[in-house]
Amino acid sequence: MVTPSSIYLLNHSVGKPVDTAFKAINTQFEHWQHQVEPWPLWLESVDHFRSQLARFMGGEASQWCPQTNLSSALTKLLFSIPRPSGCKNRLLLSEDDFPSMVFVAKQAESLGYQLTFIPKGLDLSLFANWEAWIKEDIALVFISHVQSNTGRQLPVNALCQRFKENGTYTIVDVAQSAGILPIDVMGWQADAVIGSCVKWLGGGPGAGYLWLNPQTTSDWLPKDVGWFSHDNPFEFDPHHFQYRDDALRFWGGTPSVWPYTVAAAAIAHWQQVGVERIRAHNLELLALLRNAMPEQWWVSPVDAARCSGTAIIHAGAVMDALVEALAQANVAFDRREYGLRLSPHWTNSKQQIADLAQWIEQGVAKLGEQSKF
């Protein structure tokens, strides 16, 4: 049995960088080294980041705002909308959402929100399982486009439409879907979308973002502001502040630049490849993996409309043996509550995954002889 060479399947956690990212850094920061005023070029770099986000996921560049990370973006959003009043005072989220998002949501209790959790384990990739939770008292709902630990893709378009009919604000998290699933923020018509570039996009840490629906922008008045949140950042009148009329009202103080330079280059690279091609390749590789193991091991959905880019695998009694086999094959993966997470990307070849599938099949056969599972 031939041992596969190193296979990187951690794209759901940290994506590999693209070569053009390093070239972009050299270009955008060489003026600083030569003591030339760098800010015009740096701000141009941030504008390029916003433009790339718009090209890749929809909307206009003015509707996108750089953020440090998702937790910061969600905090700013929760503390910017009108406080809940009357009986419409509940914030709905799932126990299968990423814990950092839940930590932030709990802070909203100080604003008068009461948190309602959809129980862990409920398959929210099925719209029918949401029906019982869409109630008149839900003021705001947090929706993970892809749940990181279940590998499920949620029906965001249908949910945004239904919650909008309910008079509920919608915030969608695309951290686990941007770069592997097609996203159309204008089609969704959520009130806000937040995400980061560190995962499938391979844009590194520190390049988060926030999209604001232009129809509801005036509703969002952030408390965490700075001079770049000002309609005229260079007015320099300490007694006058006016929110920008677009998403940059959420920008804050002196911005970071380096992370967005890297991320813009990464997004431009994937834009050229095309997310539809990336997704088709991903589904083909997932199928190769799925066919190499017993059906009961496959935890994540199979249907393309419900599965994410990540395979969740649980091998039951032989889980530890499977983990050891993957480690011996030099596979980069991780393990969470529901099982192992493996995320094949455009950078993985069919031959790589075919070799890995053969390795797993032969390992399964060997385990079967030993344990007769």
Protein backbone atom coordinates (compact mmCIF):
# COMPACT_ATOMS: atom_id res chain seq x y z
CA MET A 1 0.00 0.00 0.00
CA VAL A 2 1.45 3.35 -1.08
CA THR A 3 1.34 6.02 1.62
CA PRO A 4 -0.04 9.31 0.22
CA SER A 5 2.27 12.30 0.40
CA SER A 6 1.35 15.28 2.57
CA ILE A 7 -2.29 16.33 1.98
CA TYR A 8 -3.58 19.60 3.41
CA LEU A 9 -7.28 19.34 4.37
CA LEU A 10 -7.50 22.12 6.97
CA ASN A 11 -9.00 24.77 4.69
CA HIS A 12 -11.96 25.13 7.07
CA SER A 13 -9.46 26.37 9.67
CA VAL A 14 -6.57 28.14 7.92
CA GLY A 15 -6.34 28.30 4.13
CA LYS A 16 -3.04 28.18 2.31
CA PRO A 17 -1.76 31.56 1.00
CA VAL A 18 -1.56 32.33 -2.71
CA ASP A 19 1.71 33.47 -4.29
CA THR A 20 0.29 36.82 -5.41
CA ALA A 21 -0.31 37.81 -1.77
CA PHE A 22 3.41 38.17 -1.10
CA LYS A 23 3.90 40.18 -4.27
CA ALA A 24 1.10 42.53 -3.19
CA ILE A 25 2.79 43.11 0.16
CA ASN A 26 6.06 44.09 -1.51
CA THR A 27 4.27 46.49 -3.85
CA GLN A 28 2.07 48.18 -1.27
CA PHE A 29 4.74 48.66 1.40
CA GLU A 30 7.89 49.56 -0.52
CA HIS A 31 7.06 53.29 -0.35
CA TRP A 32 6.99 53.11 3.45
CA GLN A 33 10.49 51.64 3.44
CA HIS A 34 11.72 54.53 1.29
CA GLN A 35 10.12 57.13 3.58
CA VAL A 36 7.51 58.22 1.06
CA GLU A 37 4.09 59.16 2.48
CA PRO A 38 2.43 55.70 2.48
CA TRP A 39 -1.17 56.44 3.46
CA PRO A 40 -2.59 57.21 -0.01
CA LEU A 41 -1.36 53.85 -1.29
CA TRP A 42 -2.42 52.07 1.89
CA LEU A 43 -5.96 53.42 1.70
CA GLU A 44 -6.03 52.45 -1.95
CA SER A 45 -5.14 48.93 -0.83
CA VAL A 46 -8.10 48.85 1.57
CA ASP A 47 -10.39 50.17 -1.17
CA HIS A 48 -9.12 47.34 -3.37
CA PHE A 49 -10.04 44.85 -0.63
CA ARG A 50 -13.60 46.20 -0.49
CA SER A 51 -13.90 46.11 -4.27
CA GLN A 52 -12.74 42.50 -4.38
CA LEU A 53 -15.30 41.53 -1.74
CA ALA A 54 -18.04 43.12 -3.84
CA ARG A 55 -16.89 41.35 -7.00
CA PHE A 56 -16.69 38.00 -5.20
CA MET A 57 -19.85 38.09 -3.06
CA GLY A 58 -22.02 40.84 -4.52
CA GLY A 59 -23.16 44.31 -3.56
CA GLU A 60 -21.19 47.52 -4.00
CA ALA A 61 -17.79 48.29 -2.51
CA SER A 62 -19.40 51.01 -0.37
CA GLN A 63 -21.51 48.34 1.34
CA TRP A 64 -18.43 46.49 2.63
CA CYS A 65 -16.36 47.50 5.66
CA PRO A 66 -13.09 45.97 6.89
CA GLN A 67 -13.17 44.40 10.35
CA THR A 68 -10.52 42.76 12.49
CA ASN A 69 -12.50 39.55 13.01
CA LEU A 70 -16.04 38.18 13.25
CA SER A 71 -16.37 38.65 17.00
CA SER A 72 -15.57 42.35 16.71
CA ALA A 73 -17.95 42.74 13.77
CA LEU A 74 -20.81 41.03 15.59
CA THR A 75 -20.20 43.08 18.74
CA LYS A 76 -20.36 46.31 16.76
CA LEU A 77 -23.58 45.21 15.06
CA LEU A 78 -25.37 44.12 18.22
CA PHE A 79 -24.59 47.39 19.97
CA SER A 80 -25.60 49.53 17.00
CA ILE A 81 -29.24 48.68 16.33
CA PRO A 82 -32.20 50.07 18.34
CA ARG A 83 -32.65 48.31 21.65
CA PRO A 84 -35.42 45.70 21.73
CA SER A 85 -38.78 46.97 22.90
CA GLY A 86 -41.99 45.33 24.07
CA CYS A 87 -42.37 41.62 23.40
CA LYS A 88 -40.03 41.62 20.37
CA ASN A 89 -36.88 41.14 22.41
CA ARG A 90 -35.37 37.76 21.59
CA LEU A 91 -32.10 36.97 19.82
CA LEU A 92 -32.21 33.57 18.11
CA LEU A 93 -29.11 31.46 17.46
CA SER A 94 -28.06 27.81 17.47
CA GLU A 95 -26.01 25.87 19.98
CA ASP A 96 -24.11 24.59 16.92
CA ASP A 97 -22.93 28.10 16.04
CA PHE A 98 -19.23 28.82 16.54
CA PRO A 99 -18.73 29.45 20.31
CA SER A 100 -17.08 32.85 19.79
CA MET A 101 -20.32 34.10 18.23
CA VAL A 102 -22.29 32.81 21.21
CA PHE A 103 -19.93 34.57 23.63
CA VAL A 104 -20.63 37.85 21.84
CA ALA A 105 -24.38 37.23 21.71
CA LYS A 106 -24.50 36.78 25.48
CA GLN A 107 -23.25 40.34 25.87
CA ALA A 108 -26.45 41.52 24.18
CA GLU A 109 -28.37 40.55 27.30
CA SER A 110 -27.15 43.85 28.76
CA LEU A 111 -29.14 45.58 26.01
CA GLY A 112 -32.37 43.85 26.95
CA TYR A 113 -32.20 40.86 24.62
CA GLN A 114 -33.24 37.42 25.80
CA LEU A 115 -31.27 34.65 24.10
CA THR A 116 -33.10 31.70 22.56
CA PHE A 117 -31.02 28.71 21.47
CA ILE A 118 -32.02 26.14 18.88
CA PRO A 119 -30.78 22.89 20.49
CA LYS A 120 -27.53 21.31 19.41
CA GLY A 121 -27.88 18.48 16.93
CA LEU A 122 -31.03 19.67 15.15
CA ASP A 123 -30.41 19.52 11.39
CA LEU A 124 -30.79 23.17 10.40
CA SER A 125 -29.85 22.48 6.80
CA LEU A 126 -33.54 21.55 6.49
CA PHE A 127 -35.76 24.65 6.35
CA ALA A 128 -38.65 22.73 7.95
CA ASN A 129 -36.64 22.44 11.19
CA TRP A 130 -36.63 26.25 11.51
CA GLU A 131 -40.39 26.72 11.36
CA ALA A 132 -41.02 26.20 15.07
CA TRP A 133 -38.43 28.89 15.91
CA ILE A 134 -39.73 31.69 13.71
CA LYS A 135 -41.86 33.56 16.24
CA GLU A 136 -43.14 37.09 16.56
CA ASP A 137 -40.88 37.89 19.53
CA ILE A 138 -37.62 37.25 17.58
CA ALA A 139 -36.02 40.66 17.11
CA LEU A 140 -32.76 39.37 15.61
CA VAL A 141 -31.50 36.05 14.27
CA PHE A 142 -27.89 34.95 13.78
CA ILE A 143 -27.48 32.47 10.89
CA SER A 144 -24.31 30.50 10.14
CA HIS A 145 -24.25 29.89 6.39
CA VAL A 146 -22.12 26.85 7.21
CA GLN A 147 -21.88 25.30 10.66
CA SER A 148 -18.22 24.59 11.31
CA ASN A 149 -18.64 21.42 13.36
CA THR A 150 -21.54 19.75 11.51
CA GLY A 151 -20.55 20.47 7.89
CA ARG A 152 -24.10 21.61 7.19
CA GLN A 153 -25.03 24.37 4.77
CA LEU A 154 -28.06 26.32 5.97
CA PRO A 155 -30.79 27.60 3.59
CA VAL A 156 -29.83 31.25 4.01
CA ASN A 157 -31.87 32.66 1.14
CA ALA A 158 -35.14 31.13 2.36
CA LEU A 159 -34.39 32.01 5.99
CA CYS A 160 -33.64 35.67 5.26
CA GLN A 161 -36.86 35.99 3.30
CA ARG A 162 -38.94 34.32 6.00
CA PHE A 163 -37.42 36.27 8.89
CA LYS A 164 -37.80 39.51 6.94
CA GLU A 165 -41.53 38.78 6.69
CA ASN A 166 -41.43 38.34 10.46
CA GLY A 167 -39.88 41.80 10.98
CA THR A 168 -36.66 40.25 12.29
CA TYR A 169 -33.15 41.59 11.72
CA THR A 170 -30.86 38.99 10.10
CA ILE A 171 -27.09 38.63 10.49
CA VAL A 172 -25.37 35.93 8.41
CA ASP A 173 -21.93 34.46 9.17
CA VAL A 174 -20.04 33.35 6.02
CA ALA A 175 -16.69 32.53 7.64
CA GLN A 176 -16.96 28.83 6.69
CA SER A 177 -18.48 29.36 3.23
CA ALA A 178 -16.66 32.30 1.62
CA GLY A 179 -14.33 30.90 -1.02
CA ILE A 180 -15.97 27.48 -1.35
CA LEU A 181 -19.71 28.21 -1.82
CA PRO A 182 -21.33 30.79 -4.10
CA ILE A 183 -22.53 33.83 -2.12
CA ASP A 184 -24.85 36.58 -3.32
CA VAL A 185 -25.46 39.09 -0.54
CA MET A 186 -27.87 41.14 -2.62
CA GLY A 187 -29.87 38.04 -3.42
CA TRP A 188 -30.04 37.05 0.23
CA GLN A 189 -31.06 40.53 1.39
CA ALA A 190 -29.87 39.87 4.95
CA ASP A 191 -29.46 43.00 7.04
CA ALA A 192 -25.77 42.27 7.61
CA VAL A 193 -23.18 39.67 6.61
CA ILE A 194 -19.93 39.07 8.47
CA GLY A 195 -16.93 36.90 7.65
CA SER A 196 -13.18 36.54 7.47
CA CYS A 197 -10.49 35.62 4.95
CA VAL A 198 -8.42 33.24 7.05
CA LYS A 199 -10.15 30.02 5.96
CA TRP A 200 -11.08 28.94 2.41
CA LEU A 201 -9.96 32.29 0.98
CA GLY A 202 -6.39 31.83 2.24
CA GLY A 203 -6.18 35.53 3.04
CA GLY A 204 -4.59 35.16 6.47
CA PRO A 205 -5.73 36.41 9.89
CA GLY A 206 -6.87 39.94 10.62
CA ALA A 207 -8.87 40.52 7.43
CA GLY A 208 -12.47 40.31 8.56
CA TYR A 209 -15.32 42.13 6.89
CA LEU A 210 -18.86 43.30 7.29
CA TRP A 211 -21.52 43.84 4.63
CA LEU A 212 -24.40 46.19 5.39
CA ASN A 213 -27.69 46.15 3.50
CA PRO A 214 -28.15 49.65 2.02
CA GLN A 215 -31.89 49.46 2.74
CA THR A 216 -31.26 49.29 6.49
CA THR A 217 -27.92 51.11 6.84
CA SER A 218 -29.53 54.06 8.62
CA ASP A 219 -30.79 51.68 11.35
CA TRP A 220 -27.25 50.79 12.41
CA LEU A 221 -25.55 53.41 14.58
CA PRO A 222 -22.32 51.89 15.92
CA LYS A 223 -20.99 52.93 19.32
CA ASP A 224 -17.45 51.75 18.60
CA VAL A 225 -16.45 54.56 16.25
CA GLY A 226 -13.35 56.52 15.29
CA TRP A 227 -12.26 59.14 12.84
CA PHE A 228 -12.66 56.77 9.90
CA SER A 229 -16.32 56.29 10.88
CA HIS A 230 -16.80 60.02 10.32
CA ASP A 231 -18.40 61.26 7.12
CA ASN A 232 -15.37 63.53 6.73
CA PRO A 233 -12.41 61.91 8.53
CA PHE A 234 -10.19 64.91 7.86
CA GLU A 235 -12.53 67.56 9.24
CA PHE A 236 -10.77 67.36 12.63
CA ASP A 237 -13.51 69.16 14.55
CA PRO A 238 -13.68 67.46 17.97
CA HIS A 239 -17.20 68.81 18.54
CA HIS A 240 -18.77 67.44 15.38
CA PHE A 241 -19.31 63.83 14.38
CA GLN A 242 -21.47 62.56 11.55
CA TYR A 243 -21.78 58.91 10.58
CA ARG A 244 -20.71 57.93 7.10
CA ASP A 245 -23.70 57.08 4.96
CA ASP A 246 -22.36 53.64 4.02
CA ALA A 247 -20.84 50.58 5.71
CA LEU A 248 -17.65 52.47 6.62
CA ARG A 249 -19.51 53.94 9.61
CA PHE A 250 -18.33 50.66 11.22
CA TRP A 251 -14.67 51.23 10.37
CA GLY A 252 -13.51 52.94 13.57
CA GLY A 253 -10.07 54.41 14.24
CA THR A 254 -6.77 54.23 12.37
CA PRO A 255 -7.11 51.08 10.26
CA SER A 256 -4.87 48.10 9.74
CA VAL A 257 -3.63 47.73 6.18
CA TRP A 258 -1.33 44.72 5.88
CA PRO A 259 -4.04 42.03 6.40
CA TYR A 260 -6.32 43.57 3.77
CA THR A 261 -3.51 43.80 1.23
CA VAL A 262 -2.86 40.07 1.58
CA ALA A 263 -6.57 39.21 1.56
CA ALA A 264 -7.38 41.35 -1.50
CA ALA A 265 -4.75 39.47 -3.52
CA ALA A 266 -6.16 36.14 -2.36
CA ILE A 267 -9.75 37.08 -3.24
CA ALA A 268 -8.66 38.33 -6.67
CA HIS A 269 -6.95 34.98 -7.27
CA TRP A 270 -10.08 32.97 -6.44
CA GLN A 271 -12.23 35.36 -8.44
CA GLN A 272 -10.19 34.43 -11.50
CA VAL A 273 -10.61 30.71 -10.82
CA GLY A 274 -14.35 31.07 -10.21
CA VAL A 275 -16.21 29.84 -7.14
CA GLU A 276 -18.49 27.60 -9.23
CA ARG A 277 -15.45 25.70 -10.52
CA ILE A 278 -14.00 25.52 -7.01
CA ARG A 279 -17.24 24.12 -5.62
CA ALA A 280 -17.62 21.54 -8.40
CA HIS A 281 -14.06 20.33 -7.76
CA ASN A 282 -14.71 20.21 -4.01
CA LEU A 283 -17.86 18.09 -4.47
CA GLU A 284 -15.98 15.65 -6.69
CA LEU A 285 -13.25 15.23 -4.08
CA LEU A 286 -15.79 14.81 -1.28
CA ALA A 287 -17.45 12.03 -3.30
CA LEU A 288 -14.09 10.24 -3.64
CA LEU A 289 -13.64 10.35 0.11
CA ARG A 290 -17.21 9.26 0.83
CA ASN A 291 -16.98 6.23 -1.44
CA ALA A 292 -13.87 5.05 0.39
CA MET A 293 -15.51 4.39 3.74
CA PRO A 294 -18.56 2.79 5.33
CA GLU A 295 -21.72 4.85 4.86
CA GLN A 296 -22.32 5.12 8.60
CA TRP A 297 -19.01 6.96 9.05
CA TRP A 298 -20.21 9.96 6.99
CA VAL A 299 -21.79 12.47 9.40
CA SER A 300 -22.15 15.59 7.22
CA PRO A 301 -24.89 15.90 4.57
CA VAL A 302 -24.40 14.37 1.12
CA ASP A 303 -26.76 16.57 -0.91
CA ALA A 304 -24.86 19.45 -2.56
CA ALA A 305 -27.52 21.95 -1.47
CA ARG A 306 -27.07 20.96 2.17
CA CYS A 307 -23.40 20.03 2.52
CA SER A 308 -20.54 22.44 3.00
CA GLY A 309 -17.01 22.05 1.71
CA THR A 310 -16.07 20.01 4.78
CA ALA A 311 -16.49 16.29 5.36
CA ILE A 312 -17.35 15.30 8.93
CA ILE A 313 -16.36 11.68 9.58
CA HIS A 314 -16.89 9.53 12.67
CA ALA A 315 -15.53 5.99 12.62
CA GLY A 316 -17.17 4.81 15.83
CA ALA A 317 -15.19 2.21 17.73
CA VAL A 318 -12.25 2.42 15.33
CA MET A 319 -12.01 6.23 15.42
CA ASP A 320 -8.59 6.27 17.06
CA ALA A 321 -7.26 3.82 14.50
CA LEU A 322 -8.52 6.02 11.65
CA VAL A 323 -6.89 9.07 13.23
CA GLU A 324 -3.60 7.19 13.44
CA ALA A 325 -3.88 6.06 9.82
CA LEU A 326 -4.51 9.61 8.59
CA ALA A 327 -1.59 10.88 10.66
CA GLN A 328 0.67 8.22 9.11
CA ALA A 329 -0.49 9.39 5.68
CA ASN A 330 0.61 12.93 6.55
CA VAL A 331 -2.92 14.31 6.25
CA ALA A 332 -3.60 17.70 7.86
CA PHE A 333 -7.03 17.51 9.53
CA ASP A 334 -8.62 18.16 12.92
CA ARG A 335 -11.08 16.54 15.31
CA ARG A 336 -14.16 18.11 16.87
CA GLU A 337 -17.27 16.98 18.74
CA TYR A 338 -19.02 15.34 15.77
CA GLY A 339 -15.94 13.79 14.22
CA LEU A 340 -12.94 14.47 12.01
CA ARG A 341 -13.02 17.47 9.69
CA LEU A 342 -11.46 17.16 6.23
CA SER A 343 -11.80 20.00 3.72
CA PRO A 344 -10.53 19.44 0.16
CA HIS A 345 -9.97 22.61 -1.86
CA TRP A 346 -9.00 23.64 -5.39
CA THR A 347 -5.35 23.19 -4.38
CA ASN A 348 -5.94 19.46 -3.79
CA SER A 349 -5.67 17.26 -6.87
CA LYS A 350 -7.96 14.36 -7.73
CA GLN A 351 -4.94 12.08 -7.58
CA GLN A 352 -4.15 13.22 -4.04
CA ILE A 353 -7.64 12.44 -2.83
CA ALA A 354 -7.83 9.22 -4.85
CA ASP A 355 -4.62 8.04 -3.15
CA LEU A 356 -6.03 9.00 0.22
CA ALA A 357 -9.32 7.24 -0.56
CA GLN A 358 -7.41 4.06 -1.47
CA TRP A 359 -5.41 4.36 1.74
CA ILE A 360 -8.64 4.65 3.75
CA GLU A 361 -10.33 1.78 1.87
CA GLN A 362 -7.42 -0.55 2.50
CA GLY A 363 -7.24 0.57 6.10
CA VAL A 364 -10.97 -0.04 6.53
CA ALA A 365 -10.61 -3.52 5.07
CA LYS A 366 -7.75 -4.28 7.44
CA LEU A 367 -9.74 -2.96 10.42
CA GLY A 368 -12.71 -5.05 9.29
CA GLU A 369 -10.64 -8.21 9.37
CA GLN A 370 -9.46 -7.38 12.86
CA SER A 371 -12.69 -6.13 14.46
CA LYS A 372 -15.39 -7.39 12.07
CA PHE A 373 -17.24 -4.12 12.44
